[in-house]
Amino acid sequence: MMHDICNSPVSLSEQSQLDDWNGVVHGFLSHGKKTPVHLGALLEANPNFAMGHAARGLFMIMMGRKELLAVAHEAGKIANQKLREHGGNARDRGWVDALNFWLDGKPTGAIAAMEAILQDAPQDTLSAKVSHGIRFILGDGTGMRRSIERVLKAHDADHALRGYALGCHAFTLEETGDYGAAERTGLQALEYAPDDAWGLHAVAHVHDMTAQPDTGIRLIENNCAAWDHCNNFSYHVWWHKALLHMDRGELDVAMALYDTQVREDKTDDYRDIANATSLLMRLELEGVDVAGRWNELADFSQNRTDDGCVVFADLHYMLALAGADRTDAKAEMAARFARDAAEIGDMSVRYKDPGLAAMDGLNAFSEGRYNDAFSNLAAARPTMQTIGGSHAQRDVFERMTIDAGIRAGRMDQAEAILAERLSQRAGNEDRFTATRFANLADLRRIPAQ
């Protein structure tokens, strides 16, 4: 039995195969470009490696694309077959179980399978990262923190992947509001793993949430090694940089970053669409004319109205459809949300609440029905975290809710949400907060007609 760079057993017997598996592990943790290359080479060399097939299936589901579910199901079929025919260790069985649960519409079951592995093997950084990633998709920030904190002791200074574990911890600290500890931990993660894009991005989140755009921009510019090797995650880092420039009032810089970096490659990955649509919406809320940029995003999103994989993704597709005024596609998306909300499963619960209300709110906002928009978006707020993503990513919906309230004349309610947003940022007033409080003050000075 060989052991990988997680210090965990792996059912391989040849060094070349182990090298490829370690390439998969390192690539997944660092958001590297060569993860699928290593996995493909490994499965070609050893088609009986059940955990490798399970990894392929899990990675496909994480892509959040309906057409990849068929690939995941095929990977699951093979993984189960290889496990029956050739056996495997507890880690192999746990990964196959995780894939089976998720294919059955139960990502929470997949998390439980990963946590069962970690209970006996807390040094298994890869399984910890997968649990972290699924919880991220489900918006479970507190669960993410509990999970990574259970395995930190097993990732001491001698563990080859300590930096990546610290990067995960930093992100969970930020998402649970412990900003000082998040910054310290994220910077420490970069010391152990200079290519830890997740740890870098956790600290960028801190600077976003604490209204420190100068510090955040310097962080990103001075740590290119942490993210210039990345797959499309690099676009997300550019997105963070654009947000920080917006907070400095440099809307033209943010728009330029959209054109030259965030949307340099016209991909249809939902995470890239989310970066783009949320940035365009933020710019529009600040009065920037984004011209015809919505159309390119809407062309992709129109092909995704029937996806139903991730609520977070679908709401960003809806932003694009609304921005380009694709009436028929918006109606198709809304109808599919209603169908998904009536189903049973972990995601169906999220389509029902907050999905339906959020969808109606976005549609109303795009049509200038700001009172309806505010009512629906405000109704969705209590459970919006469950759509997944981060506080920074979901903030576009928070901003739209506040602006809908202001435009609808529901100033007291909008102000209350603005105050809650400020509190979540530990009282750090960013540009959006300052301008909206000023807007409310100006409106209240205008005598009623």
Foldseek 3Di string as FASTA:
>chain_A
DDAALLRHDFPDDDPLLNVLVNVLQVCVLLQFDCNVVSLVVNCVVPVLRLLSLLVQLLVLLLLLFQVSNVVNVVSLVSSVVSCVVPNDDLVSVLSSQLSVCVNVQANVSSLVSLLVVCVVRLSRVSSLVSNLSSCQQQLNLVVLQVSLVVSLVVLDPPRLQNLSSLLSNLQSCVQVQVLVSSLVSLVVSCVSPLQRLSSLVSNLSSCLLQVNLVVSLCSCVVRVNNQVRHDLVNLVSLLSNLSSCVLVVNPVVSLVSLCCRLPVDLDLRLVSLLSNLLSVLVSVVVVDCNDPPLVSLQVSLLVCLQSLSFLLSNLSNLSSCLVNVVPVSLVSNLVNLVVLCPDDHSSVVVSVALVNLQSQLSNCVSVVVLVSNLVSLVRRPVSVSSSGDGPVSCVSSLLSNLVSCVSVVVLVVSVVSLVVSCVSSVNRDTPSSVVSVVSSVVVVPDDDD
